[in-house]
Amino acid sequence: MSLSKKTASTRDLKHRVITCLNKLSDRDTLAVGTAELESIARSLTHDSFSPFLSCLYGTDSSEKSPVRKQCVRLLGVLSETHGDSLSPHLSKMLSNVVRRLRDSDSAVRLACVDAVGVMSSQITKPPFSAFLKPLTDSILLEQDYNLQIGSALCIAAAIEAAPDPEPEQLLKLLPRLLKLAKSESFRAKPALLSLIGSIIGAGGASTRGVLNSLVPCLVEFLSSEDWAARKASAEALARLALVERDLATEFKSSSLSSLESRRFDKVKVVRDTMNRTLDLWKELPCDSNGLLPLSPSKASSKDNGAGGCFPPASKIPCDVGFETPQAKKIIPTRSPPSDNSLVTTARKRSPLQSSNNRKSTTAMFCKLDCKKPSDWKVEVAVPHPSSSKVACEDDLKRRYLGVSDLEENGNCGDSRPETNRVLFSKTSNEKMHKFGCLRSGSRIVPFHENNNSESAVVDSNATEEEIYENQKDIEDLSLIRKQLIQIENQQSSMLNLLQVC
């Protein structure tokens, strides 16, 4: 084709395009002009791309909104029809889109987003950085509010539509976007959070270092005053739970607590998004230890008795059994921590924490059996550890003297109530030994009730045998005391471990 024919063809094409664009200004001819422009765009040849695009670029903000919107939409029609043939023109097409993003009409900006999505999916020959660079620069360098919103949404649309969004490039871009999200001068926070969600979905947040700054940022926006920012951050967290399932488990606890607190948002669409995201995070597995990671507000080991180093107090095995000499059977006891360790622990904690930790320590080491007889009076004291041995020896001596006095009196009829009292005291003392009353810091005194029943019978031979057995018990008291001290030392070591953790 000669040069004159090309010039004539180009002039004719421009005239047709301008005529159709003028039809877009009139509501009555809008549909006809739109159909003619789409027909021209689909029938273009490689030589006619430039004149057609120059006609579209020539429209400005003085034109009516339908004209501006249709000019942007035609870029998508061209990309859908001709694909990679438009690769040489991609840079100018994106520059025109960035200019249109400053438009005050939201319909024009939405048309730009749709056009960029189509261009990203159809023009695949250039690298994805060809889309990323001009749009990213407009976000990071421009202060126009509409431009910030449109650029963020355009990049998100390009990432979603691109067959290969180059996650390595997105991984480098994400820290810059997080820094921008924390800046007070950047106002388009919801659009930026939507872009971050698209980057997460494309695999641009696949490292632990990025997640350490990403998750706290998203959780913080869950409590934003802007409902659109809350919704966008919840959607980004949902994508994180789906795409980075293994890495996200480390942040499960803090994310769940934040989502739980926002699940009853006053805006319905935000509330529904929060609940969907909450369900996705609940489906995540626990960490390798089978425990949920602690949230930052609960991670202080000094304020928490267990500090995350041990299972809960109810699961710590605290039953300590031992065998006494002469094969005598003794029920395993649970000794409380020594008095000195409790005092030291109480000094390190606040009054409220001290009272709570005393209750947990009591439940851990001194769980009482509620099925035992309830007719006992319990007194708690803080004697010297050796006083328990002396008290028991004195008590046994008084009991033996009482029995011998009864034998010397010889008055069986008058001494029967006294005999019953002595036997009841002996039985109570034996139960007291079985329940571990010889622990340091406690003393159990049996409650003696007047009993006039005639069922108890005293046998002098049996009394002598019992005295002989009780003398052996006195000899074993020193050995039992050593074992009790050993148990107390073990429990003190456990408390020290809990305090260190």
Protein backbone atom coordinates (compact mmCIF):
# COMPACT_ATOMS: atom_id res chain seq x y z
CA MET A 1 0.00 0.00 0.00
CA SER A 2 1.35 3.37 -0.97
CA LEU A 3 1.98 6.16 1.49
CA SER A 4 -0.93 8.23 0.20
CA LYS A 5 -3.34 5.35 0.64
CA LYS A 6 -2.11 4.75 4.19
CA THR A 7 -2.58 8.40 4.97
CA ALA A 8 -6.09 8.38 3.55
CA SER A 9 -6.98 5.23 5.44
CA THR A 10 -5.65 6.68 8.67
CA ARG A 11 -7.56 9.91 8.12
CA ASP A 12 -10.76 7.96 7.43
CA LEU A 13 -10.29 5.84 10.54
CA LYS A 14 -9.82 8.85 12.78
CA HIS A 15 -12.89 10.51 11.32
CA ARG A 16 -15.03 7.46 12.00
CA VAL A 17 -13.72 7.14 15.55
CA ILE A 18 -14.29 10.82 16.36
CA THR A 19 -17.81 10.66 14.94
CA CYS A 20 -18.63 7.68 17.13
CA LEU A 21 -17.14 9.38 20.18
CA ASN A 22 -19.37 12.36 19.57
CA LYS A 23 -22.35 10.03 19.52
CA LEU A 24 -21.43 8.93 23.04
CA SER A 25 -22.15 12.44 24.32
CA ASP A 26 -25.82 12.13 23.43
CA ARG A 27 -27.95 9.72 25.40
CA ASP A 28 -30.04 8.87 22.35
CA THR A 29 -27.05 7.82 20.27
CA LEU A 30 -24.96 6.33 23.09
CA ALA A 31 -25.76 2.70 22.28
CA VAL A 32 -25.17 3.15 18.56
CA GLY A 33 -21.82 4.90 19.09
CA THR A 34 -20.71 2.21 21.56
CA ALA A 35 -21.50 -0.62 19.15
CA GLU A 36 -19.71 1.10 16.24
CA LEU A 37 -16.57 1.73 18.31
CA GLU A 38 -16.38 -1.87 19.45
CA SER A 39 -16.78 -3.04 15.86
CA ILE A 40 -13.95 -0.77 14.70
CA ALA A 41 -11.68 -1.94 17.56
CA ARG A 42 -12.16 -5.62 16.71
CA SER A 43 -11.46 -5.06 13.00
CA LEU A 44 -8.22 -3.13 13.41
CA THR A 45 -4.96 -4.21 11.79
CA HIS A 46 -1.47 -3.82 13.18
CA ASP A 47 -0.95 -0.61 11.22
CA SER A 48 -4.14 0.95 12.53
CA PHE A 49 -3.49 0.43 16.26
CA SER A 50 -1.63 3.71 16.66
CA PRO A 51 -4.21 6.03 15.05
CA PHE A 52 -7.05 4.37 16.88
CA LEU A 53 -5.28 4.64 20.24
CA SER A 54 -4.33 8.27 19.57
CA CYS A 55 -8.02 9.13 19.15
CA LEU A 56 -8.76 7.52 22.50
CA TYR A 57 -5.87 9.31 24.18
CA GLY A 58 -7.08 12.66 22.84
CA THR A 59 -10.16 12.80 25.02
CA ASP A 60 -9.77 14.75 28.25
CA SER A 61 -11.71 15.69 31.35
CA SER A 62 -13.78 18.23 29.40
CA GLU A 63 -15.64 15.39 27.71
CA LYS A 64 -18.73 13.91 29.27
CA SER A 65 -18.44 10.96 31.60
CA PRO A 66 -19.78 8.34 29.11
CA VAL A 67 -17.12 9.39 26.60
CA ARG A 68 -14.28 9.11 29.11
CA LYS A 69 -15.57 5.80 30.39
CA GLN A 70 -15.95 4.27 26.91
CA CYS A 71 -12.47 5.33 25.86
CA VAL A 72 -11.00 3.37 28.76
CA ARG A 73 -13.28 0.41 28.17
CA LEU A 74 -12.14 0.19 24.54
CA LEU A 75 -8.60 -0.52 25.77
CA GLY A 76 -9.91 -3.72 27.28
CA VAL A 77 -11.79 -4.59 24.11
CA LEU A 78 -8.61 -4.13 22.08
CA SER A 79 -6.59 -6.29 24.49
CA GLU A 80 -9.21 -9.01 24.50
CA THR A 81 -9.28 -9.13 20.68
CA HIS A 82 -5.65 -8.65 19.69
CA GLY A 83 -3.73 -9.85 22.78
CA ASP A 84 0.06 -9.84 22.51
CA SER A 85 -0.08 -7.85 19.26
CA LEU A 86 -0.52 -4.80 21.51
CA SER A 87 2.69 -5.42 23.42
CA PRO A 88 4.56 -2.51 21.78
CA HIS A 89 1.76 -0.17 22.83
CA LEU A 90 1.40 -1.41 26.40
CA SER A 91 3.44 1.35 28.01
CA LYS A 92 1.35 4.16 26.49
CA MET A 93 -1.87 2.33 27.27
CA LEU A 94 -0.92 2.09 30.95
CA SER A 95 0.12 5.75 31.03
CA ASN A 96 -3.30 6.70 29.69
CA VAL A 97 -4.95 4.55 32.36
CA VAL A 98 -2.93 6.24 35.13
CA ARG A 99 -4.06 9.61 33.82
CA ARG A 100 -7.68 8.45 33.84
CA LEU A 101 -7.33 7.34 37.46
CA ARG A 102 -7.35 10.97 38.54
CA ASP A 103 -10.89 11.29 37.21
CA SER A 104 -13.47 12.41 39.74
CA ASP A 105 -16.06 9.98 38.38
CA SER A 106 -15.84 6.61 40.11
CA ALA A 107 -17.33 4.91 37.03
CA VAL A 108 -14.31 5.97 34.98
CA ARG A 109 -11.91 4.68 37.63
CA LEU A 110 -13.74 1.35 37.78
CA ALA A 111 -13.48 1.11 34.01
CA CYS A 112 -9.72 1.59 34.36
CA VAL A 113 -9.56 -1.29 36.83
CA ASP A 114 -11.48 -3.59 34.49
CA ALA A 115 -9.33 -2.58 31.54
CA VAL A 116 -6.08 -3.29 33.38
CA GLY A 117 -7.38 -6.70 34.40
CA VAL A 118 -8.14 -7.61 30.80
CA MET A 119 -4.81 -6.25 29.60
CA SER A 120 -2.94 -8.30 32.22
CA SER A 121 -4.67 -11.52 31.22
CA GLN A 122 -4.33 -11.06 27.45
CA ILE A 123 -1.03 -9.22 26.96
CA THR A 124 1.34 -11.78 28.47
CA LYS A 125 4.43 -11.36 26.35
CA PRO A 126 5.96 -8.50 28.37
CA PRO A 127 7.02 -9.31 31.93
CA PHE A 128 4.61 -8.51 34.73
CA SER A 129 6.90 -5.75 35.91
CA ALA A 130 5.69 -3.76 32.87
CA PHE A 131 2.32 -3.48 34.64
CA LEU A 132 3.74 -3.22 38.12
CA LYS A 133 6.16 -0.33 37.78
CA PRO A 134 3.96 2.54 36.50
CA LEU A 135 1.07 1.69 38.80
CA THR A 136 3.32 1.20 41.84
CA ASP A 137 5.02 4.54 41.26
CA SER A 138 1.65 6.25 41.23
CA ILE A 139 0.86 4.75 44.64
CA LEU A 140 4.17 5.50 46.29
CA LEU A 141 4.85 8.93 44.81
CA GLU A 142 1.49 10.57 44.15
CA GLN A 143 -0.66 12.21 46.81
CA ASP A 144 -3.92 12.34 44.87
CA TYR A 145 -6.58 10.39 46.75
CA ASN A 146 -8.40 9.09 43.66
CA LEU A 147 -5.13 8.12 42.04
CA GLN A 148 -4.04 6.17 45.12
CA ILE A 149 -7.31 4.25 45.22
CA GLY A 150 -7.36 3.54 41.48
CA SER A 151 -3.72 2.48 41.27
CA ALA A 152 -4.04 0.05 44.17
CA LEU A 153 -7.16 -1.51 42.68
CA CYS A 154 -5.55 -1.71 39.23
CA ILE A 155 -2.51 -3.56 40.57
CA ALA A 156 -4.80 -5.92 42.46
CA ALA A 157 -6.79 -6.60 39.30
CA ALA A 158 -3.59 -7.17 37.32
CA ILE A 159 -2.31 -9.64 39.92
CA GLU A 160 -5.57 -11.54 39.96
CA ALA A 161 -5.75 -11.80 36.16
CA ALA A 162 -2.09 -12.40 35.30
CA PRO A 163 -1.08 -15.98 34.51
CA ASP A 164 2.31 -15.33 36.13
CA PRO A 165 2.29 -12.38 38.55
CA GLU A 166 5.95 -12.96 39.48
CA PRO A 167 5.71 -13.61 43.25
CA GLU A 168 9.36 -12.66 43.73
CA GLN A 169 8.63 -9.10 42.63
CA LEU A 170 5.55 -8.97 44.84
CA LEU A 171 7.56 -10.21 47.80
CA LYS A 172 9.91 -7.25 47.40
CA LEU A 173 7.01 -4.82 47.01
CA LEU A 174 5.04 -5.96 50.07
CA PRO A 175 7.28 -4.41 52.80
CA ARG A 176 7.04 -1.03 51.05
CA LEU A 177 3.27 -1.30 50.97
CA LEU A 178 3.12 -2.22 54.66
CA LYS A 179 5.20 0.82 55.50
CA LEU A 180 2.83 2.92 53.40
CA ALA A 181 -0.19 1.45 55.19
CA LYS A 182 1.18 2.64 58.53
CA SER A 183 1.73 6.15 57.19
CA GLU A 184 -0.85 8.70 58.28
CA SER A 185 -0.43 10.69 55.06
CA PHE A 186 -1.67 7.81 52.92
CA ARG A 187 -5.45 7.91 52.90
CA ALA A 188 -6.46 5.07 50.59
CA LYS A 189 -6.04 2.39 53.27
CA PRO A 190 -8.95 0.09 52.19
CA ALA A 191 -7.71 -0.09 48.60
CA LEU A 192 -4.15 -0.72 49.77
CA LEU A 193 -5.33 -3.54 52.05
CA SER A 194 -7.18 -5.09 49.11
CA LEU A 195 -3.94 -4.97 47.14
CA ILE A 196 -2.10 -6.65 50.02
CA GLY A 197 -4.72 -9.38 50.00
CA SER A 198 -4.14 -9.95 46.28
CA ILE A 199 -0.39 -10.15 46.86
CA ILE A 200 -0.96 -12.76 49.57
CA GLY A 201 -3.15 -14.76 47.21
CA ALA A 202 -0.44 -14.71 44.54
CA GLY A 203 2.19 -16.10 46.94
CA GLY A 204 3.93 -12.82 47.68
CA ALA A 205 3.92 -13.40 51.46
CA SER A 206 5.61 -16.78 51.65
CA THR A 207 8.39 -15.98 54.12
CA ARG A 208 8.35 -15.88 57.89
CA GLY A 209 10.00 -12.47 58.02
CA VAL A 210 7.27 -10.85 55.94
CA LEU A 211 4.51 -12.48 58.00
CA ASN A 212 6.02 -11.16 61.22
CA SER A 213 5.19 -7.63 60.09
CA LEU A 214 2.18 -8.45 57.90
CA VAL A 215 -0.07 -10.21 60.41
CA PRO A 216 0.17 -7.56 63.18
CA CYS A 217 -0.57 -4.87 60.59
CA LEU A 218 -3.69 -6.66 59.36
CA VAL A 219 -4.86 -7.43 62.90
CA GLU A 220 -4.48 -3.78 63.81
CA PHE A 221 -6.73 -2.72 60.93
CA LEU A 222 -9.47 -5.04 62.20
CA SER A 223 -10.31 -2.32 64.73
CA SER A 224 -10.11 0.58 62.28
CA GLU A 225 -12.82 3.21 62.30
CA ASP A 226 -13.26 2.78 58.53
CA TRP A 227 -15.53 -0.20 57.88
CA ALA A 228 -14.00 -0.69 54.42
CA ALA A 229 -10.55 -1.04 56.00
CA ARG A 230 -11.90 -3.57 58.49
CA LYS A 231 -13.47 -5.59 55.69
CA ALA A 232 -10.32 -5.48 53.54
CA SER A 233 -8.07 -6.55 56.39
CA ALA A 234 -10.40 -9.46 57.25
CA GLU A 235 -10.36 -10.58 53.62
CA ALA A 236 -6.56 -10.42 53.57
CA LEU A 237 -6.39 -12.57 56.71
CA ALA A 238 -8.76 -15.05 55.11
CA ARG A 239 -6.46 -15.35 52.10
CA LEU A 240 -3.50 -15.78 54.39
CA ALA A 241 -5.20 -18.68 56.16
CA LEU A 242 -5.88 -20.33 52.81
CA VAL A 243 -2.59 -19.75 50.98
CA GLU A 244 0.04 -19.77 53.75
CA ARG A 245 -1.58 -22.44 55.91
CA ASP A 246 1.61 -23.77 57.47
CA LEU A 247 3.23 -20.43 58.28
CA ALA A 248 -0.02 -18.89 59.54
CA THR A 249 -0.34 -21.40 62.39
CA GLU A 250 2.21 -19.42 64.42
CA PHE A 251 -0.18 -16.45 64.44
CA LYS A 252 -3.36 -18.42 65.07
CA SER A 253 -3.86 -17.38 68.68
CA SER A 254 -3.51 -13.61 68.20
CA SER A 255 -5.56 -13.62 65.01
CA LEU A 256 -8.37 -15.67 66.54
CA SER A 257 -8.62 -13.42 69.58
CA SER A 258 -8.83 -10.31 67.38
CA LEU A 259 -11.38 -11.85 65.06
CA GLU A 260 -13.48 -13.05 67.99
CA SER A 261 -13.62 -9.53 69.38
CA ARG A 262 -14.78 -8.11 66.01
CA ARG A 263 -17.20 -10.83 64.94
CA PHE A 264 -20.19 -8.70 65.98
CA ASP A 265 -19.33 -5.70 63.81
CA LYS A 266 -22.13 -3.19 63.38
CA VAL A 267 -21.81 -3.31 59.57
CA LYS A 268 -23.36 -6.49 58.20
CA VAL A 269 -20.99 -7.01 55.27
CA VAL A 270 -18.01 -6.62 57.62
CA ARG A 271 -19.62 -8.93 60.17
CA ASP A 272 -20.12 -11.65 57.56
CA THR A 273 -16.53 -11.30 56.37
CA MET A 274 -15.23 -11.52 59.94
CA ASN A 275 -17.16 -14.71 60.60
CA ARG A 276 -15.95 -16.35 57.39
CA THR A 277 -12.38 -15.43 58.20
CA LEU A 278 -12.80 -16.69 61.76
CA ASP A 279 -13.97 -20.07 60.49
CA LEU A 280 -10.95 -20.33 58.19
CA TRP A 281 -8.49 -19.57 61.00
CA LYS A 282 -10.18 -22.08 63.29
CA GLU A 283 -9.53 -24.78 60.70
CA LEU A 284 -5.78 -24.17 60.85
CA PRO A 285 -3.78 -26.85 62.67
CA CYS A 286 -1.99 -26.10 65.90
CA ASP A 287 1.76 -25.68 66.01
CA SER A 288 4.21 -28.58 66.23
CA ASN A 289 3.82 -28.86 70.02
CA GLY A 290 0.05 -29.20 69.78
CA LEU A 291 -0.49 -25.93 71.60
CA LEU A 292 -1.76 -22.64 70.31
CA PRO A 293 0.90 -19.91 70.28
CA LEU A 294 0.50 -17.22 72.86
CA SER A 295 -0.78 -13.85 71.83
CA PRO A 296 1.44 -10.86 72.62
CA SER A 297 -0.79 -9.83 75.53
CA LYS A 298 -0.45 -13.25 77.14
CA ALA A 299 3.17 -14.01 76.39
CA SER A 300 4.66 -12.67 79.64
CA SER A 301 6.00 -15.58 81.59
CA LYS A 302 6.40 -13.58 84.75
CA ASP A 303 2.74 -12.67 84.97
CA ASN A 304 1.59 -16.18 84.15
CA GLY A 305 2.41 -18.95 86.60
CA ALA A 306 2.95 -21.58 83.93
CA GLY A 307 4.45 -19.24 81.37
CA GLY A 308 3.71 -21.64 78.53
CA CYS A 309 6.52 -24.01 79.56
CA PHE A 310 4.30 -26.58 81.24
CA PRO A 311 0.82 -27.97 80.63
CA PRO A 312 -2.05 -26.57 82.70
CA ALA A 313 -1.89 -27.06 86.44
CA SER A 314 -4.65 -29.65 86.45
CA LYS A 315 -2.58 -31.86 84.13
CA ILE A 316 0.68 -31.84 86.10
CA PRO A 317 1.16 -35.16 87.88
CA CYS A 318 1.63 -34.42 91.56
CA ASP A 319 0.91 -37.78 93.25
CA VAL A 320 4.02 -38.92 95.08
CA GLY A 321 4.00 -42.42 96.56
CA PHE A 322 6.57 -44.11 98.78
CA GLU A 323 7.02 -47.33 100.69
CA THR A 324 7.53 -47.33 104.44
CA PRO A 325 9.64 -49.83 106.38
CA GLN A 326 8.14 -53.12 107.55
CA ALA A 327 5.80 -53.20 104.53
CA LYS A 328 3.38 -50.81 106.21
CA LYS A 329 0.89 -49.39 103.67
CA ILE A 330 0.58 -45.61 103.47
CA ILE A 331 -1.71 -43.75 101.09
CA PRO A 332 0.24 -41.43 98.71
CA THR A 333 0.00 -37.87 99.87
CA ARG A 334 0.25 -34.53 98.14
CA SER A 335 2.36 -32.11 100.07
CA PRO A 336 2.09 -28.36 99.58
CA PRO A 337 5.21 -26.33 98.80
CA SER A 338 7.33 -25.26 101.68
CA ASP A 339 6.49 -22.10 103.56
CA ASN A 340 9.67 -20.33 102.47
CA SER A 341 8.98 -20.93 98.77
CA LEU A 342 5.43 -19.60 99.11
CA VAL A 343 6.66 -16.46 100.81
CA THR A 344 9.30 -15.88 98.13
CA THR A 345 6.74 -16.36 95.36
CA ALA A 346 4.27 -14.01 97.02
CA ARG A 347 6.85 -11.24 97.17
CA LYS A 348 7.41 -11.40 93.42
CA ARG A 349 3.76 -11.07 92.47
CA SER A 350 1.01 -8.54 92.88
CA PRO A 351 -1.71 -9.20 95.53
CA LEU A 352 -4.25 -10.31 92.96
CA GLN A 353 -1.82 -12.61 91.18
CA SER A 354 -0.63 -13.98 94.49
CA SER A 355 -4.11 -15.03 95.55
CA ASN A 356 -4.83 -16.61 92.18
CA ASN A 357 -1.55 -18.49 92.17
CA ARG A 358 -2.15 -19.77 95.68
CA LYS A 359 -5.41 -21.28 94.49
CA SER A 360 -3.75 -22.89 91.48
CA THR A 361 -0.88 -24.20 93.62
CA THR A 362 -3.36 -25.66 96.09
CA ALA A 363 -5.23 -27.34 93.27
CA MET A 364 -1.95 -28.62 91.86
CA PHE A 365 -0.26 -30.06 94.91
CA CYS A 366 -2.90 -30.31 97.67
CA LYS A 367 -6.11 -31.59 96.10
CA LEU A 368 -8.29 -32.87 98.97
CA ASP A 369 -10.57 -35.86 98.77
CA CYS A 370 -14.12 -34.68 99.40
CA LYS A 371 -15.33 -38.18 100.25
CA LYS A 372 -13.37 -38.30 103.53
CA PRO A 373 -15.19 -37.95 106.89
CA SER A 374 -16.43 -34.46 107.54
CA ASP A 375 -16.44 -34.60 111.35
CA TRP A 376 -12.88 -33.38 111.71
CA LYS A 377 -11.73 -29.90 112.66
CA VAL A 378 -8.75 -28.72 110.66
CA GLU A 379 -6.30 -26.21 112.00
CA VAL A 380 -3.49 -24.75 109.90
CA ALA A 381 -0.33 -23.57 111.59
CA VAL A 382 3.27 -22.91 110.66
CA PRO A 383 5.38 -24.88 113.18
CA HIS A 384 8.97 -25.96 112.86
CA PRO A 385 9.18 -29.19 110.81
CA SER A 386 10.43 -31.13 113.81
CA SER A 387 7.43 -30.13 115.96
CA SER A 388 5.19 -32.66 114.20
CA LYS A 389 7.32 -35.53 115.44
CA VAL A 390 7.30 -34.25 119.03
CA ALA A 391 3.55 -33.64 118.97
CA CYS A 392 2.82 -37.15 117.71
CA GLU A 393 5.11 -38.75 120.30
CA ASP A 394 3.44 -36.82 123.12
CA ASP A 395 0.02 -37.74 121.83
CA LEU A 396 0.87 -41.44 121.68
CA LYS A 397 2.31 -41.38 125.20
CA ARG A 398 -0.84 -39.76 126.59
CA ARG A 399 -2.95 -42.35 124.83
CA TYR A 400 -0.94 -45.26 126.21
CA LEU A 401 -1.07 -43.81 129.71
CA GLY A 402 -4.82 -43.52 129.42
CA VAL A 403 -5.15 -47.21 128.58
CA SER A 404 -2.91 -48.30 131.45
CA ASP A 405 -4.86 -46.16 133.92
CA LEU A 406 -8.02 -47.94 132.88
CA GLU A 407 -6.44 -51.32 133.54
CA GLU A 408 -5.26 -50.23 136.97
CA ASN A 409 -8.64 -48.94 138.05
CA GLY A 410 -10.33 -52.25 137.19
CA ASN A 411 -13.76 -50.69 137.16
CA CYS A 412 -15.13 -51.96 133.83
CA GLY A 413 -18.65 -50.68 134.29
CA ASP A 414 -17.63 -47.10 135.12
CA SER A 415 -14.73 -46.88 132.67
CA ARG A 416 -16.54 -48.02 129.52
CA PRO A 417 -17.17 -44.47 128.19
CA GLU A 418 -13.53 -43.59 128.85
CA THR A 419 -12.45 -46.75 127.04
CA ASN A 420 -14.56 -45.80 124.04
CA ARG A 421 -13.01 -42.34 124.02
CA VAL A 422 -9.49 -43.78 124.07
CA LEU A 423 -10.25 -46.19 121.24
CA PHE A 424 -11.89 -43.46 119.18
CA SER A 425 -8.83 -41.27 119.72
CA LYS A 426 -6.59 -44.10 118.57
CA THR A 427 -8.67 -44.72 115.44
CA SER A 428 -8.70 -41.03 114.63
CA ASN A 429 -4.95 -40.78 115.03
CA GLU A 430 -4.42 -43.75 112.71
CA LYS A 431 -6.62 -42.08 110.08
CA MET A 432 -4.69 -38.91 110.62
CA HIS A 433 -1.43 -40.72 109.79
CA LYS A 434 -2.99 -42.28 106.68
CA PHE A 435 -4.12 -38.93 105.33
CA GLY A 436 -0.66 -37.45 105.68
CA CYS A 437 -1.25 -35.13 108.64
CA LEU A 438 2.46 -35.08 109.42
CA ARG A 439 3.15 -32.59 106.68
CA SER A 440 5.06 -29.50 107.62
CA GLY A 441 2.78 -26.52 108.13
CA SER A 442 -0.46 -28.32 109.03
CA ARG A 443 -2.02 -30.13 111.98
CA ILE A 444 -5.28 -32.12 112.08
CA VAL A 445 -7.07 -32.40 115.41
CA PRO A 446 -9.84 -35.03 115.63
CA PHE A 447 -13.23 -33.83 116.80
CA HIS A 448 -14.21 -35.93 119.86
CA GLU A 449 -17.93 -36.44 120.16
CA ASN A 450 -19.56 -37.96 123.25
CA ASN A 451 -20.60 -41.47 122.39
CA ASN A 452 -22.72 -43.49 124.84
CA SER A 453 -23.07 -46.60 122.68
CA GLU A 454 -22.27 -49.92 124.28
CA SER A 455 -20.90 -51.58 121.16
CA ALA A 456 -17.15 -51.14 121.83
CA VAL A 457 -15.40 -53.90 123.88
CA VAL A 458 -11.90 -53.66 125.30
CA ASP A 459 -9.63 -56.66 125.38
CA SER A 460 -6.56 -56.42 127.58
CA ASN A 461 -4.52 -58.75 125.36
CA ALA A 462 -5.40 -56.76 122.26
CA THR A 463 -4.46 -53.54 124.08
CA GLU A 464 -1.00 -54.87 124.88
CA GLU A 465 -0.45 -55.91 121.26
CA GLU A 466 -1.56 -52.49 120.07
CA ILE A 467 0.86 -50.79 122.45
CA TYR A 468 3.65 -52.93 121.05
CA GLU A 469 2.72 -52.03 117.47
CA ASN A 470 2.47 -48.35 118.33
CA GLN A 471 5.96 -48.41 119.82
CA LYS A 472 7.21 -49.62 116.43
CA ASP A 473 5.32 -46.77 114.80
CA ILE A 474 7.18 -44.30 117.01
CA GLU A 475 10.47 -45.74 115.82
CA ASP A 476 9.39 -45.27 112.19
CA LEU A 477 8.43 -41.62 112.63
CA SER A 478 11.94 -40.39 111.93
CA LEU A 479 12.09 -42.32 108.65
CA ILE A 480 8.70 -41.04 107.56
CA ARG A 481 9.73 -37.49 108.38
CA LYS A 482 12.81 -37.79 106.15
CA GLN A 483 10.63 -38.98 103.29
CA LEU A 484 8.21 -36.08 103.78
CA ILE A 485 11.09 -33.58 103.72
CA GLN A 486 12.30 -35.16 100.48
CA ILE A 487 8.84 -34.72 98.93
CA GLU A 488 8.74 -31.08 100.02
CA ASN A 489 12.12 -30.47 98.41
CA GLN A 490 10.90 -32.00 95.15
CA GLN A 491 7.83 -29.77 95.16
CA SER A 492 9.97 -26.72 95.89
CA SER A 493 12.11 -27.58 92.87
CA MET A 494 8.96 -27.78 90.73
CA LEU A 495 7.86 -24.35 91.92
CA ASN A 496 11.30 -22.93 91.13
CA LEU A 497 11.03 -24.33 87.61
CA LEU A 498 7.62 -22.72 87.17
CA GLN A 499 8.95 -19.37 88.34
CA VAL A 500 11.93 -19.52 85.97
CA CYS A 501 9.71 -20.31 83.00
